[in-house]
């Protein structure tokens, strides 16, 4: 189950998650970062370093943030 970056990341882009990812699966645009669900190895290194608590395991994404599962995946299509 991949990790997902949600709305608290919008316009934040602190980048600690990018620095700790061992497989380089986190990339972004001008708005926020996204996790590639096909590359993520589910190590969890990104979650505790996020200063805005925007990262969740896919199955633990809050209901109000579920759209970000698709948003993250679509960024890599």
PDB file of N, CA and C in Angstrom:
ATOM      1  N   UNK A   1       0.841  -1.175   0.000  1.00  0.00           N
ATOM      2  CA  UNK A   1       0.000   0.000   0.000  1.00  0.00           C
ATOM      3  C   UNK A   1       0.892   1.246   0.000  1.00  0.00           C
ATOM      4  N   UNK A   2       0.852   2.012  -1.037  1.00  0.00           N
ATOM      5  CA  UNK A   2       1.692   3.200  -1.178  1.00  0.00           C
ATOM      6  C   UNK A   2       1.282   4.299  -0.199  1.00  0.00           C
ATOM      7  N   UNK A   3       2.176   5.234  -0.018  1.00  0.00           N
ATOM      8  CA  UNK A   3       1.874   6.424   0.768  1.00  0.00           C
ATOM      9  C   UNK A   3       1.318   7.492  -0.164  1.00  0.00           C
ATOM     10  N   UNK A   4       0.566   8.431   0.414  1.00  0.00           N
ATOM     11  CA  UNK A   4      -0.116   9.470  -0.352  1.00  0.00           C
ATOM     12  C   UNK A   4       0.132  10.818   0.318  1.00  0.00           C
ATOM     13  N   UNK A   5       0.403  11.839  -0.484  1.00  0.00           N
ATOM     14  CA  UNK A   5       0.546  13.191   0.041  1.00  0.00           C
ATOM     15  C   UNK A   5      -0.781  13.918  -0.176  1.00  0.00           C
ATOM     16  N   UNK A   6      -1.278  14.561   0.877  1.00  0.00           N
ATOM     17  CA  UNK A   6      -2.603  15.179   0.853  1.00  0.00           C
ATOM     18  C   UNK A   6      -2.531  16.709   0.920  1.00  0.00           C
ATOM     19  N   UNK A   7      -3.667  17.341   1.042  1.00  0.00           N
ATOM     20  CA  UNK A   7      -3.806  18.791   0.900  1.00  0.00           C
ATOM     21  C   UNK A   7      -2.947  19.670   1.804  1.00  0.00           C
ATOM     22  N   UNK A   8      -2.568  19.272   3.016  1.00  0.00           N
ATOM     23  CA  UNK A   8      -1.712  20.167   3.802  1.00  0.00           C
ATOM     24  C   UNK A   8      -0.388  20.511   3.113  1.00  0.00           C
ATOM     25  N   UNK A   9       0.003  19.721   2.124  1.00  0.00           N
ATOM     26  CA  UNK A   9       1.242  19.987   1.389  1.00  0.00           C
ATOM     27  C   UNK A   9       1.083  21.136   0.391  1.00  0.00           C
ATOM     28  N   UNK A  10      -0.141  21.424   0.002  1.00  0.00           N
ATOM     29  CA  UNK A  10      -0.362  22.472  -1.007  1.00  0.00           C
ATOM     30  C   UNK A  10       0.290  23.769  -0.553  1.00  0.00           C
ATOM     31  N   UNK A  11       1.102  24.303  -1.416  1.00  0.00           N
ATOM     32  CA  UNK A  11       1.815  25.565  -1.198  1.00  0.00           C
ATOM     33  C   UNK A  11       2.804  25.520  -0.029  1.00  0.00           C
ATOM     34  N   UNK A  12       3.074  24.357   0.526  1.00  0.00           N
ATOM     35  CA  UNK A  12       4.042  24.201   1.621  1.00  0.00           C
ATOM     36  C   UNK A  12       5.407  23.812   1.048  1.00  0.00           C
ATOM     37  N   UNK A  13       5.456  22.630   0.436  1.00  0.00           N
ATOM     38  CA  UNK A  13       6.650  22.107  -0.226  1.00  0.00           C
ATOM     39  C   UNK A  13       7.917  22.200   0.614  1.00  0.00           C
ATOM     40  N   UNK A  14       7.878  21.684   1.806  1.00  0.00           N
ATOM     41  CA  UNK A  14       9.033  21.724   2.701  1.00  0.00           C
ATOM     42  C   UNK A  14      10.175  20.827   2.226  1.00  0.00           C
ATOM     43  N   UNK A  15       9.892  19.748   1.557  1.00  0.00           N
ATOM     44  CA  UNK A  15      10.862  18.856   0.899  1.00  0.00           C
ATOM     45  C   UNK A  15      11.608  17.879   1.795  1.00  0.00           C
ATOM     46  N   UNK A  16      11.329  17.835   3.072  1.00  0.00           N
ATOM     47  CA  UNK A  16      11.982  16.833   3.916  1.00  0.00           C
ATOM     48  C   UNK A  16      11.679  15.422   3.416  1.00  0.00           C
ATOM     49  N   UNK A  17      10.466  15.219   2.919  1.00  0.00           N
ATOM     50  CA  UNK A  17      10.080  13.897   2.421  1.00  0.00           C
ATOM     51  C   UNK A  17      10.925  13.485   1.220  1.00  0.00           C
ATOM     52  N   UNK A  18      11.204  14.427   0.351  1.00  0.00           N
ATOM     53  CA  UNK A  18      12.013  14.150  -0.837  1.00  0.00           C
ATOM     54  C   UNK A  18      13.409  13.708  -0.422  1.00  0.00           C
ATOM     55  N   UNK A  19      13.957  14.372   0.562  1.00  0.00           N
ATOM     56  CA  UNK A  19      15.323  14.100   1.017  1.00  0.00           C
ATOM     57  C   UNK A  19      15.480  12.714   1.630  1.00  0.00           C
ATOM     58  N   UNK A  20      14.444  12.194   2.301  1.00  0.00           N
ATOM     59  CA  UNK A  20      14.578  10.901   2.981  1.00  0.00           C
ATOM     60  C   UNK A  20      14.104   9.702   2.171  1.00  0.00           C
ATOM     61  N   UNK A  21      13.451   9.944   1.051  1.00  0.00           N
ATOM     62  CA  UNK A  21      12.913   8.832   0.254  1.00  0.00           C
ATOM     63  C   UNK A  21      14.060   8.034  -0.370  1.00  0.00           C
ATOM     64  N   UNK A  22      14.158   6.737  -0.047  1.00  0.00           N
ATOM     65  CA  UNK A  22      15.266   5.932  -0.568  1.00  0.00           C
ATOM     66  C   UNK A  22      15.111   5.522  -2.032  1.00  0.00           C
ATOM     67  N   UNK A  23      13.927   5.674  -2.605  1.00  0.00           N
ATOM     68  CA  UNK A  23      13.716   5.252  -3.987  1.00  0.00           C
ATOM     69  C   UNK A  23      13.342   6.408  -4.916  1.00  0.00           C
ATOM     70  N   UNK A  24      13.467   7.619  -4.452  1.00  0.00           N
ATOM     71  CA  UNK A  24      13.224   8.813  -5.270  1.00  0.00           C
ATOM     72  C   UNK A  24      11.844   8.776  -5.926  1.00  0.00           C
ATOM     73  N   UNK A  25      10.805   8.479  -5.131  1.00  0.00           N
ATOM     74  CA  UNK A  25       9.456   8.392  -5.705  1.00  0.00           C
ATOM     75  C   UNK A  25       8.616   9.626  -5.412  1.00  0.00           C
ATOM     76  N   UNK A  26       9.218  10.673  -4.843  1.00  0.00           N
ATOM     77  CA  UNK A  26       8.472  11.889  -4.523  1.00  0.00           C
ATOM     78  C   UNK A  26       8.963  13.031  -5.404  1.00  0.00           C
ATOM     79  N   UNK A  27       8.041  13.570  -6.192  1.00  0.00           N
ATOM     80  CA  UNK A  27       8.337  14.689  -7.082  1.00  0.00           C
ATOM     81  C   UNK A  27       7.193  15.686  -6.980  1.00  0.00           C
ATOM     82  N   UNK A  28       7.406  16.880  -7.503  1.00  0.00           N
ATOM     83  CA  UNK A  28       6.351  17.862  -7.387  1.00  0.00           C
ATOM     84  C   UNK A  28       6.267  18.824  -8.537  1.00  0.00           C
ATOM     85  N   UNK A  29       5.296  19.713  -8.408  1.00  0.00           N
ATOM     86  CA  UNK A  29       5.129  20.807  -9.347  1.00  0.00           C
ATOM     87  C   UNK A  29       5.137  22.101  -8.530  1.00  0.00           C
ATOM     88  N   UNK A  30       4.628  23.166  -9.079  1.00  0.00           N
ATOM     89  CA  UNK A  30       4.637  24.439  -8.369  1.00  0.00           C
ATOM     90  C   UNK A  30       3.710  24.455  -7.155  1.00  0.00           C
ATOM     91  N   UNK A  31       2.784  23.510  -7.091  1.00  0.00           N
ATOM     92  CA  UNK A  31       1.776  23.502  -6.035  1.00  0.00           C
ATOM     93  C   UNK A  31       2.134  22.623  -4.834  1.00  0.00           C
ATOM     94  N   UNK A  32       2.586  21.376  -5.107  1.00  0.00           N
ATOM     95  CA  UNK A  32       2.837  20.430  -4.014  1.00  0.00           C
ATOM     96  C   UNK A  32       3.670  19.253  -4.504  1.00  0.00           C
ATOM     97  N   UNK A  33       3.965  18.329  -3.585  1.00  0.00           N
ATOM     98  CA  UNK A  33       4.670  17.092  -3.922  1.00  0.00           C
ATOM     99  C   UNK A  33       3.666  15.957  -4.049  1.00  0.00           C
ATOM    100  N   UNK A  34       4.094  14.906  -4.763  1.00  0.00           N
ATOM    101  CA  UNK A  34       3.267  13.731  -4.995  1.00  0.00           C
ATOM    102  C   UNK A  34       4.139  12.492  -4.867  1.00  0.00           C
ATOM    103  N   UNK A  35       3.529  11.383  -4.441  1.00  0.00           N
ATOM    104  CA  UNK A  35       4.237  10.109  -4.327  1.00  0.00           C
ATOM    105  C   UNK A  35       3.781   9.199  -5.456  1.00  0.00           C
ATOM    106  N   UNK A  36       4.750   8.633  -6.169  1.00  0.00           N
ATOM    107  CA  UNK A  36       4.453   7.691  -7.254  1.00  0.00           C
ATOM    108  C   UNK A  36       4.049   6.356  -6.628  1.00  0.00           C
ATOM    109  N   UNK A  37       2.780   5.960  -6.773  1.00  0.00           N
ATOM    110  CA  UNK A  37       2.332   4.713  -6.125  1.00  0.00           C
ATOM    111  C   UNK A  37       2.978   3.465  -6.705  1.00  0.00           C
ATOM    112  N   UNK A  38       3.490   3.543  -7.931  1.00  0.00           N
ATOM    113  CA  UNK A  38       4.127   2.384  -8.548  1.00  0.00           C
ATOM    114  C   UNK A  38       5.584   2.230  -8.129  1.00  0.00           C
ATOM    115  N   UNK A  39       6.184   3.294  -7.611  1.00  0.00           N
ATOM    116  CA  UNK A  39       7.584   3.262  -7.205  1.00  0.00           C
ATOM    117  C   UNK A  39       7.748   3.169  -5.688  1.00  0.00           C
ATOM    118  N   UNK A  40       6.770   3.678  -4.956  1.00  0.00           N
ATOM    119  CA  UNK A  40       6.826   3.686  -3.483  1.00  0.00           C
ATOM    120  C   UNK A  40       6.996   2.262  -2.950  1.00  0.00           C
ATOM    121  N   UNK A  41       7.963   2.089  -2.052  1.00  0.00           N
ATOM    122  CA  UNK A  41       8.206   0.769  -1.470  1.00  0.00           C
ATOM    123  C   UNK A  41       7.587   0.650  -0.074  1.00  0.00           C
ATOM    124  N   UNK A  42       6.791   1.632   0.293  1.00  0.00           N
ATOM    125  CA  UNK A  42       6.044   1.603   1.545  1.00  0.00           C
ATOM    126  C   UNK A  42       6.950   1.538   2.771  1.00  0.00           C
ATOM    127  N   UNK A  43       8.099   2.183   2.701  1.00  0.00           N
ATOM    128  CA  UNK A  43       9.038   2.142   3.826  1.00  0.00           C
ATOM    129  C   UNK A  43       8.612   3.061   4.964  1.00  0.00           C
ATOM    130  N   UNK A  44       7.828   4.096   4.641  1.00  0.00           N
ATOM    131  CA  UNK A  44       7.337   5.002   5.668  1.00  0.00           C
ATOM    132  C   UNK A  44       8.306   6.080   6.102  1.00  0.00           C
ATOM    133  N   UNK A  45       9.448   6.192   5.463  1.00  0.00           N
ATOM    134  CA  UNK A  45      10.444   7.191   5.874  1.00  0.00           C
ATOM    135  C   UNK A  45       9.924   8.618   5.729  1.00  0.00           C
ATOM    136  N   UNK A  46       9.056   8.839   4.778  1.00  0.00           N
ATOM    137  CA  UNK A  46       8.554  10.184   4.501  1.00  0.00           C
ATOM    138  C   UNK A  46       7.551  10.685   5.534  1.00  0.00           C
ATOM    139  N   UNK A  47       6.745   9.794   6.054  1.00  0.00           N
ATOM    140  CA  UNK A  47       5.638  10.202   6.934  1.00  0.00           C
ATOM    141  C   UNK A  47       6.077  10.976   8.178  1.00  0.00           C
ATOM    142  N   UNK A  48       7.033  10.487   8.959  1.00  0.00           N
ATOM    143  CA  UNK A  48       7.375  11.204  10.198  1.00  0.00           C
ATOM    144  C   UNK A  48       8.119  12.518   9.998  1.00  0.00           C
ATOM    145  N   UNK A  49       8.706  12.728   8.827  1.00  0.00           N
ATOM    146  CA  UNK A  49       9.466  13.966   8.620  1.00  0.00           C
ATOM    147  C   UNK A  49       8.623  15.091   8.027  1.00  0.00           C
ATOM    148  N   UNK A  50       7.402  14.812   7.641  1.00  0.00           N
ATOM    149  CA  UNK A  50       6.541  15.835   7.041  1.00  0.00           C
ATOM    150  C   UNK A  50       6.106  16.840   8.112  1.00  0.00           C
ATOM    151  N   UNK A  51       6.520  18.105   7.966  1.00  0.00           N
ATOM    152  CA  UNK A  51       6.211  19.101   8.993  1.00  0.00           C
ATOM    153  C   UNK A  51       4.738  19.510   9.054  1.00  0.00           C
ATOM    154  N   UNK A  52       3.974  19.182   8.008  1.00  0.00           N
ATOM    155  CA  UNK A  52       2.550  19.550   8.004  1.00  0.00           C
ATOM    156  C   UNK A  52       1.641  18.323   8.090  1.00  0.00           C
ATOM    157  N   UNK A  53       2.218  17.162   8.354  1.00  0.00           N
ATOM    158  CA  UNK A  53       1.480  15.907   8.523  1.00  0.00           C
ATOM    159  C   UNK A  53       0.530  15.635   7.359  1.00  0.00           C
ATOM    160  N   UNK A  54       1.076  15.731   6.148  1.00  0.00           N
ATOM    161  CA  UNK A  54       0.276  15.551   4.936  1.00  0.00           C
ATOM    162  C   UNK A  54       0.371  14.153   4.350  1.00  0.00           C
ATOM    163  N   UNK A  55       1.212  13.280   4.921  1.00  0.00           N
ATOM    164  CA  UNK A  55       1.474  11.977   4.312  1.00  0.00           C
ATOM    165  C   UNK A  55       0.818  10.864   5.109  1.00  0.00           C
ATOM    166  N   UNK A  56       0.105   9.994   4.380  1.00  0.00           N
ATOM    167  CA  UNK A  56      -0.604   8.865   4.988  1.00  0.00           C
ATOM    168  C   UNK A  56      -0.382   7.609   4.165  1.00  0.00           C
ATOM    169  N   UNK A  57      -0.482   6.447   4.822  1.00  0.00           N
ATOM    170  CA  UNK A  57      -0.580   5.207   4.073  1.00  0.00           C
ATOM    171  C   UNK A  57      -1.896   5.285   3.304  1.00  0.00           C
ATOM    172  N   UNK A  58      -1.925   4.740   2.116  1.00  0.00           N
ATOM    173  CA  UNK A  58      -3.105   4.868   1.263  1.00  0.00           C
ATOM    174  C   UNK A  58      -4.388   4.423   1.964  1.00  0.00           C
ATOM    175  N   UNK A  59      -4.340   3.334   2.708  1.00  0.00           N
ATOM    176  CA  UNK A  59      -5.561   2.851   3.348  1.00  0.00           C
ATOM    177  C   UNK A  59      -5.932   3.639   4.609  1.00  0.00           C
ATOM    178  N   UNK A  60      -5.094   4.592   5.027  1.00  0.00           N
ATOM    179  CA  UNK A  60      -5.377   5.412   6.203  1.00  0.00           C
ATOM    180  C   UNK A  60      -5.643   6.884   5.868  1.00  0.00           C
ATOM    181  N   UNK A  61      -5.747   7.193   4.574  1.00  0.00           N
ATOM    182  CA  UNK A  61      -6.036   8.567   4.163  1.00  0.00           C
ATOM    183  C   UNK A  61      -7.424   8.936   4.694  1.00  0.00           C
ATOM    184  N   UNK A  62      -7.538  10.076   5.379  1.00  0.00           N
ATOM    185  CA  UNK A  62      -8.855  10.490   5.891  1.00  0.00           C
ATOM    186  C   UNK A  62      -9.867  10.643   4.747  1.00  0.00           C
ATOM    187  N   UNK A  63     -11.128  10.392   5.049  1.00  0.00           N
ATOM    188  CA  UNK A  63     -12.173  10.446   4.032  1.00  0.00           C
ATOM    189  C   UNK A  63     -12.164  11.752   3.249  1.00  0.00           C
ATOM    190  N   UNK A  64     -11.953  12.865   3.942  1.00  0.00           N
ATOM    191  CA  UNK A  64     -11.994  14.167   3.274  1.00  0.00           C
ATOM    192  C   UNK A  64     -10.778  14.416   2.377  1.00  0.00           C
ATOM    193  N   UNK A  65      -9.796  13.518   2.421  1.00  0.00           N
ATOM    194  CA  UNK A  65      -8.582  13.652   1.608  1.00  0.00           C
ATOM    195  C   UNK A  65      -8.444  12.539   0.564  1.00  0.00           C
ATOM    196  N   UNK A  66      -9.427  11.662   0.462  1.00  0.00           N
ATOM    197  CA  UNK A  66      -9.354  10.492  -0.427  1.00  0.00           C
ATOM    198  C   UNK A  66      -9.072  10.869  -1.876  1.00  0.00           C
ATOM    199  N   UNK A  67      -9.511  12.041  -2.326  1.00  0.00           N
ATOM    200  CA  UNK A  67      -9.271  12.439  -3.710  1.00  0.00           C
ATOM    201  C   UNK A  67      -7.780  12.518  -4.024  1.00  0.00           C
ATOM    202  N   UNK A  68      -6.944  12.690  -3.003  1.00  0.00           N
ATOM    203  CA  UNK A  68      -5.506  12.805  -3.219  1.00  0.00           C
ATOM    204  C   UNK A  68      -4.851  11.475  -3.580  1.00  0.00           C
ATOM    205  N   UNK A  69      -5.518  10.373  -3.342  1.00  0.00           N
ATOM    206  CA  UNK A  69      -5.007   9.081  -3.811  1.00  0.00           C
ATOM    207  C   UNK A  69      -4.914   9.122  -5.334  1.00  0.00           C
ATOM    208  N   UNK A  70      -5.984   9.565  -5.968  1.00  0.00           N
ATOM    209  CA  UNK A  70      -6.019   9.666  -7.427  1.00  0.00           C
ATOM    210  C   UNK A  70      -5.145  10.817  -7.928  1.00  0.00           C
ATOM    211  N   UNK A  71      -5.130  11.922  -7.211  1.00  0.00           N
ATOM    212  CA  UNK A  71      -4.315  13.069  -7.615  1.00  0.00           C
ATOM    213  C   UNK A  71      -2.838  12.689  -7.666  1.00  0.00           C
ATOM    214  N   UNK A  72      -2.365  11.964  -6.647  1.00  0.00           N
ATOM    215  CA  UNK A  72      -0.966  11.522  -6.645  1.00  0.00           C
ATOM    216  C   UNK A  72      -0.692  10.600  -7.819  1.00  0.00           C
ATOM    217  N   UNK A  73      -1.563   9.610  -8.046  1.00  0.00           N
ATOM    218  CA  UNK A  73      -1.365   8.659  -9.133  1.00  0.00           C
ATOM    219  C   UNK A  73      -1.404   9.354 -10.487  1.00  0.00           C
ATOM    220  N   UNK A  74      -2.334  10.283 -10.664  1.00  0.00           N
ATOM    221  CA  UNK A  74      -2.464  10.975 -11.955  1.00  0.00           C
ATOM    222  C   UNK A  74      -1.263  11.843 -12.287  1.00  0.00           C
ATOM    223  N   UNK A  75      -0.567  12.334 -11.289  1.00  0.00           N
ATOM    224  CA  UNK A  75       0.619  13.156 -11.536  1.00  0.00           C
ATOM    225  C   UNK A  75       1.658  12.355 -12.321  1.00  0.00           C
ATOM    226  N   UNK A  76       1.699  11.049 -12.132  1.00  0.00           N
ATOM    227  CA  UNK A  76       2.713  10.197 -12.765  1.00  0.00           C
ATOM    228  C   UNK A  76       2.241   9.538 -14.060  1.00  0.00           C
ATOM    229  N   UNK A  77       1.038   9.838 -14.508  1.00  0.00           N
ATOM    230  CA  UNK A  77       0.551   9.250 -15.772  1.00  0.00           C
ATOM    231  C   UNK A  77       1.053  10.015 -16.958  1.00  0.00           C
TER     232      UNK A  77
END
